[in-house]
Amino acid sequence: MTVSNENLPLLLLKARENSIACVRPILADFGLTEQQWRVIRTLKKEGEMNAQDLASESCILSPSLSRILNRLENEKVILKKVDSQDQRALNIRLSAKGNRLHDRIVPKVDKQYKLLSQAVGKDTINSLVGLLQEFSDRGHRSAAGSA
């Protein structure tokens, strides 16, 4: 199969859609969007972060992230505070409620991904993850070098 520059992004989007479709109902049961879940997951993994790093790590554009953070803050899932070193920077972390929410969702999501892995094959998933990581790392370095 020949992959052209035109269909590579579409194939990546289709793969993303297939991988998230199995967890979308779980997130909906908890009243979360995929982007909100990415924020929660990222904060759980990384701990307290500034908004710029959170946007980068969760692959969410800053204007969208602002709306997501406001909603999560209103629901007391996250806590925001002004950075003591830089008054313009905002630090975000999960609240106790956010940590509990994450911990309730993760087993359900993990179960779905385990089923997906069984359906597709563990070796295929492992190969795909490795290839995507390499693609992301090289693509990032290439884009940084051309800037």
Foldseek 3Di string as FASTA:
>chain_A
DDDDPVCPVVVVVVVVCVLCVLCQVLCVVVPHDPLLLLLLVVQVVPPKDWLVVSCVSSVHDSVVSVVSVVVCVVVQQKDWDQDPVDNVIIIIHGDPNVVVVNVVRVVVSVVSVVVVCVVVDVVVVVVVVVVVVVVVVVVVVVVVVVD
